[in-house]
């Protein structure tokens, strides 16, 4: 039973390590999306004739989503390079 418990604890540690990868980039992407949406709403309802702000907001949101995609590809590459080994 202790062997199975040890394998489970190693697997949990492995999953937690994966979840921690690129956390800063994910946070930046989330904040960027939020700021882009706020800018888009602000430009749409508060500014008159501000197409530049709307395009800037769409650019910020797009860049944030590209950052999310980058993180997904980098984490996938890390997992493929470091597969979970049951034997430790």
N, C-alpha and C. Protein backbone atom coordinates (compact mmCIF):
# COMPACT_ATOMS: atom_id res chain seq x y z
N UNK A 1 0.81 -1.19 0.00
CA UNK A 1 0.00 0.00 0.00
C UNK A 1 0.86 1.26 0.00
N UNK A 2 1.99 1.22 0.68
CA UNK A 2 2.84 2.41 0.75
C UNK A 2 3.44 2.75 -0.61
N UNK A 3 3.67 1.73 -1.44
CA UNK A 3 4.17 1.99 -2.79
C UNK A 3 3.17 2.76 -3.63
N UNK A 4 1.89 2.39 -3.49
CA UNK A 4 0.85 3.09 -4.22
C UNK A 4 0.66 4.51 -3.69
N UNK A 5 0.77 4.68 -2.38
CA UNK A 5 0.64 6.02 -1.79
C UNK A 5 1.80 6.90 -2.22
N UNK A 6 2.99 6.32 -2.29
CA UNK A 6 4.14 7.08 -2.75
C UNK A 6 4.01 7.50 -4.21
N UNK A 7 3.49 6.58 -5.03
CA UNK A 7 3.28 6.91 -6.44
C UNK A 7 2.24 8.00 -6.60
N UNK A 8 1.18 7.93 -5.78
CA UNK A 8 0.16 8.97 -5.83
C UNK A 8 0.69 10.32 -5.41
N UNK A 9 1.51 10.35 -4.36
CA UNK A 9 2.07 11.63 -3.91
C UNK A 9 3.04 12.20 -4.95
N UNK A 10 3.80 11.33 -5.62
CA UNK A 10 4.69 11.81 -6.69
C UNK A 10 3.89 12.35 -7.86
N UNK A 11 2.79 11.67 -8.19
CA UNK A 11 1.95 12.14 -9.30
C UNK A 11 1.30 13.48 -8.96
N UNK A 12 0.86 13.65 -7.73
CA UNK A 12 0.28 14.93 -7.31
C UNK A 12 1.32 16.03 -7.38
N UNK A 13 2.55 15.74 -6.96
CA UNK A 13 3.62 16.74 -7.04
C UNK A 13 3.93 17.08 -8.50
N UNK A 14 3.90 16.09 -9.37
CA UNK A 14 4.14 16.30 -10.80
C UNK A 14 3.05 17.20 -11.39
N UNK A 15 1.80 16.95 -11.05
CA UNK A 15 0.69 17.76 -11.56
C UNK A 15 0.79 19.18 -11.02
N UNK A 16 1.14 19.33 -9.76
CA UNK A 16 1.30 20.68 -9.19
C UNK A 16 2.44 21.43 -9.87
N UNK A 17 3.50 20.72 -10.24
CA UNK A 17 4.60 21.36 -10.96
C UNK A 17 4.14 21.84 -12.32
N UNK A 18 3.33 21.05 -13.00
CA UNK A 18 2.80 21.45 -14.31
C UNK A 18 1.91 22.67 -14.16
N UNK A 19 1.06 22.67 -13.14
CA UNK A 19 0.16 23.81 -12.93
C UNK A 19 0.93 25.09 -12.64
N UNK A 20 2.09 24.98 -12.05
CA UNK A 20 2.88 26.16 -11.72
C UNK A 20 3.68 26.72 -12.88
N UNK A 21 3.81 25.96 -13.96
CA UNK A 21 4.59 26.43 -15.09
C UNK A 21 3.93 27.63 -15.76
N UNK A 22 4.73 28.65 -16.05
CA UNK A 22 4.29 29.83 -16.79
C UNK A 22 3.10 30.53 -16.12
N UNK A 23 3.08 30.53 -14.82
CA UNK A 23 2.00 31.18 -14.08
C UNK A 23 2.01 32.69 -14.31
N UNK A 24 3.19 33.28 -14.35
CA UNK A 24 3.30 34.72 -14.57
C UNK A 24 2.74 35.12 -15.93
N UNK A 25 3.06 34.34 -16.96
CA UNK A 25 2.55 34.63 -18.29
C UNK A 25 1.03 34.47 -18.37
N UNK A 26 0.50 33.46 -17.69
CA UNK A 26 -0.96 33.29 -17.66
C UNK A 26 -1.63 34.46 -16.96
N UNK A 27 -1.04 34.94 -15.88
CA UNK A 27 -1.60 36.08 -15.16
C UNK A 27 -1.55 37.33 -16.02
N UNK A 28 -0.45 37.53 -16.72
CA UNK A 28 -0.33 38.68 -17.62
C UNK A 28 -1.38 38.59 -18.72
N UNK A 29 -1.60 37.40 -19.26
CA UNK A 29 -2.62 37.22 -20.29
C UNK A 29 -4.01 37.52 -19.77
N UNK A 30 -4.31 37.09 -18.56
CA UNK A 30 -5.62 37.35 -17.98
C UNK A 30 -5.83 38.84 -17.74
N UNK A 31 -4.84 39.48 -17.17
CA UNK A 31 -4.94 40.93 -16.92
C UNK A 31 -5.04 41.69 -18.24
N UNK A 32 -4.30 41.24 -19.25
CA UNK A 32 -4.37 41.88 -20.57
C UNK A 32 -5.76 41.76 -21.18
N UNK A 33 -6.36 40.58 -21.06
CA UNK A 33 -7.73 40.40 -21.57
C UNK A 33 -8.70 41.32 -20.84
N UNK A 34 -8.59 41.38 -19.54
CA UNK A 34 -9.48 42.24 -18.76
C UNK A 34 -9.30 43.71 -19.12
N UNK A 35 -8.06 44.15 -19.23
CA UNK A 35 -7.81 45.55 -19.60
C UNK A 35 -8.29 45.84 -21.02
N UNK A 36 -8.11 44.89 -21.92
CA UNK A 36 -8.58 45.08 -23.29
C UNK A 36 -10.09 45.20 -23.36
N UNK A 37 -10.79 44.38 -22.60
CA UNK A 37 -12.25 44.46 -22.59
C UNK A 37 -12.71 45.77 -21.96
N UNK A 38 -12.06 46.17 -20.87
CA UNK A 38 -12.42 47.45 -20.25
C UNK A 38 -12.17 48.61 -21.21
N UNK A 39 -11.07 48.58 -21.93
CA UNK A 39 -10.78 49.62 -22.90
C UNK A 39 -11.81 49.60 -24.03
N UNK A 40 -12.20 48.43 -24.45
CA UNK A 40 -13.20 48.31 -25.51
C UNK A 40 -14.55 48.89 -25.07
N UNK A 41 -14.96 48.57 -23.86
CA UNK A 41 -16.23 49.10 -23.34
C UNK A 41 -16.13 50.61 -23.18
N UNK A 42 -15.01 51.08 -22.65
CA UNK A 42 -14.81 52.51 -22.46
C UNK A 42 -14.83 53.25 -23.80
N UNK A 43 -14.15 52.70 -24.78
CA UNK A 43 -14.10 53.34 -26.10
C UNK A 43 -15.46 53.32 -26.78
N UNK A 44 -16.23 52.29 -26.54
CA UNK A 44 -17.53 52.17 -27.20
C UNK A 44 -18.57 53.11 -26.59
N UNK A 45 -18.58 53.23 -25.29
CA UNK A 45 -19.67 53.95 -24.64
C UNK A 45 -19.30 55.34 -24.12
N UNK A 46 -18.05 55.61 -23.90
CA UNK A 46 -17.66 56.91 -23.34
C UNK A 46 -17.03 57.86 -24.35
N UNK A 47 -16.36 57.30 -25.33
CA UNK A 47 -15.67 58.16 -26.30
C UNK A 47 -16.46 58.20 -27.59
N UNK A 48 -16.54 59.34 -28.16
CA UNK A 48 -17.20 59.44 -29.46
C UNK A 48 -16.14 59.50 -30.54
N UNK A 49 -16.36 58.73 -31.57
CA UNK A 49 -15.45 58.69 -32.71
C UNK A 49 -14.02 58.30 -32.31
N UNK A 50 -13.91 57.23 -31.54
CA UNK A 50 -12.60 56.76 -31.07
C UNK A 50 -12.33 55.36 -31.61
N UNK A 51 -12.23 55.26 -32.92
CA UNK A 51 -11.97 53.94 -33.50
C UNK A 51 -10.55 53.46 -33.16
N UNK A 52 -9.64 54.40 -32.92
CA UNK A 52 -8.28 54.00 -32.58
C UNK A 52 -8.26 53.24 -31.25
N UNK A 53 -9.08 53.66 -30.31
CA UNK A 53 -9.11 52.98 -29.01
C UNK A 53 -9.74 51.60 -29.14
N UNK A 54 -10.73 51.48 -30.00
CA UNK A 54 -11.35 50.18 -30.20
C UNK A 54 -10.37 49.21 -30.85
N UNK A 55 -9.62 49.68 -31.83
CA UNK A 55 -8.61 48.83 -32.47
C UNK A 55 -7.50 48.47 -31.49
N UNK A 56 -7.12 49.41 -30.63
CA UNK A 56 -6.11 49.14 -29.61
C UNK A 56 -6.61 48.07 -28.65
N UNK A 57 -7.87 48.16 -28.26
CA UNK A 57 -8.45 47.17 -27.35
C UNK A 57 -8.47 45.79 -27.99
N UNK A 58 -8.87 45.72 -29.25
CA UNK A 58 -8.87 44.43 -29.94
C UNK A 58 -7.45 43.88 -30.05
N UNK A 59 -6.48 44.74 -30.27
CA UNK A 59 -5.09 44.31 -30.33
C UNK A 59 -4.59 43.77 -29.00
N UNK A 60 -4.97 44.42 -27.91
CA UNK A 60 -4.56 43.96 -26.58
C UNK A 60 -5.19 42.61 -26.28
N UNK A 61 -6.47 42.46 -26.60
CA UNK A 61 -7.14 41.18 -26.36
C UNK A 61 -6.51 40.08 -27.22
N UNK A 62 -6.22 40.39 -28.47
CA UNK A 62 -5.59 39.40 -29.35
C UNK A 62 -4.20 39.00 -28.87
N UNK A 63 -3.42 39.98 -28.42
CA UNK A 63 -2.08 39.67 -27.90
C UNK A 63 -2.17 38.82 -26.64
N UNK A 64 -3.15 39.08 -25.81
CA UNK A 64 -3.32 38.28 -24.60
C UNK A 64 -3.68 36.84 -24.93
N UNK A 65 -4.55 36.65 -25.92
CA UNK A 65 -4.89 35.29 -26.32
C UNK A 65 -3.70 34.59 -26.97
N UNK A 66 -2.89 35.32 -27.69
CA UNK A 66 -1.67 34.71 -28.24
C UNK A 66 -0.73 34.28 -27.12
N UNK A 67 -0.68 35.07 -26.05
CA UNK A 67 0.13 34.69 -24.90
C UNK A 67 -0.42 33.42 -24.26
N UNK A 68 -1.74 33.29 -24.16
CA UNK A 68 -2.33 32.05 -23.65
C UNK A 68 -1.96 30.86 -24.53
N UNK A 69 -2.03 31.03 -25.84
CA UNK A 69 -1.68 29.94 -26.75
C UNK A 69 -0.20 29.57 -26.60
N UNK A 70 0.67 30.56 -26.44
CA UNK A 70 2.09 30.31 -26.22
C UNK A 70 2.30 29.46 -24.97
N UNK A 71 1.60 29.80 -23.90
CA UNK A 71 1.72 29.05 -22.66
C UNK A 71 1.25 27.60 -22.84
N UNK A 72 0.17 27.42 -23.56
CA UNK A 72 -0.33 26.06 -23.79
C UNK A 72 0.70 25.24 -24.55
N UNK A 73 1.30 25.81 -25.59
CA UNK A 73 2.31 25.07 -26.36
C UNK A 73 3.56 24.80 -25.54
N UNK A 74 4.00 25.75 -24.73
CA UNK A 74 5.20 25.55 -23.92
C UNK A 74 4.97 24.50 -22.83
N UNK A 75 3.81 24.52 -22.19
CA UNK A 75 3.52 23.52 -21.17
C UNK A 75 3.40 22.13 -21.79
N UNK A 76 2.80 22.05 -22.96
CA UNK A 76 2.70 20.75 -23.64
C UNK A 76 4.09 20.23 -24.00
N UNK A 77 4.96 21.11 -24.46
CA UNK A 77 6.33 20.69 -24.79
C UNK A 77 7.06 20.22 -23.54
N UNK A 78 6.85 20.90 -22.41
CA UNK A 78 7.52 20.49 -21.17
C UNK A 78 7.03 19.12 -20.73
N UNK A 79 5.72 18.89 -20.80
CA UNK A 79 5.17 17.60 -20.38
C UNK A 79 5.68 16.48 -21.28
N UNK A 80 5.79 16.74 -22.56
CA UNK A 80 6.33 15.71 -23.46
C UNK A 80 7.80 15.44 -23.20
N UNK A 81 8.55 16.46 -22.79
CA UNK A 81 9.96 16.28 -22.50
C UNK A 81 10.19 15.64 -21.13
N UNK A 82 9.23 15.79 -20.22
CA UNK A 82 9.35 15.27 -18.86
C UNK A 82 8.11 14.43 -18.52
N UNK A 83 7.98 13.25 -19.10
CA UNK A 83 6.81 12.43 -18.79
C UNK A 83 6.86 11.92 -17.35
N UNK A 84 5.69 11.60 -16.83
CA UNK A 84 5.62 11.09 -15.46
C UNK A 84 6.16 9.68 -15.40
N UNK A 85 7.09 9.44 -14.49
CA UNK A 85 7.69 8.14 -14.31
C UNK A 85 7.15 7.52 -13.01
N UNK A 86 6.44 6.43 -13.13
CA UNK A 86 5.81 5.80 -11.97
C UNK A 86 6.86 5.31 -10.98
N UNK A 87 8.00 4.89 -11.48
CA UNK A 87 9.05 4.31 -10.62
C UNK A 87 9.91 5.36 -9.95
N UNK A 88 9.69 6.60 -10.30
CA UNK A 88 10.34 7.65 -9.56
C UNK A 88 11.53 8.26 -10.11
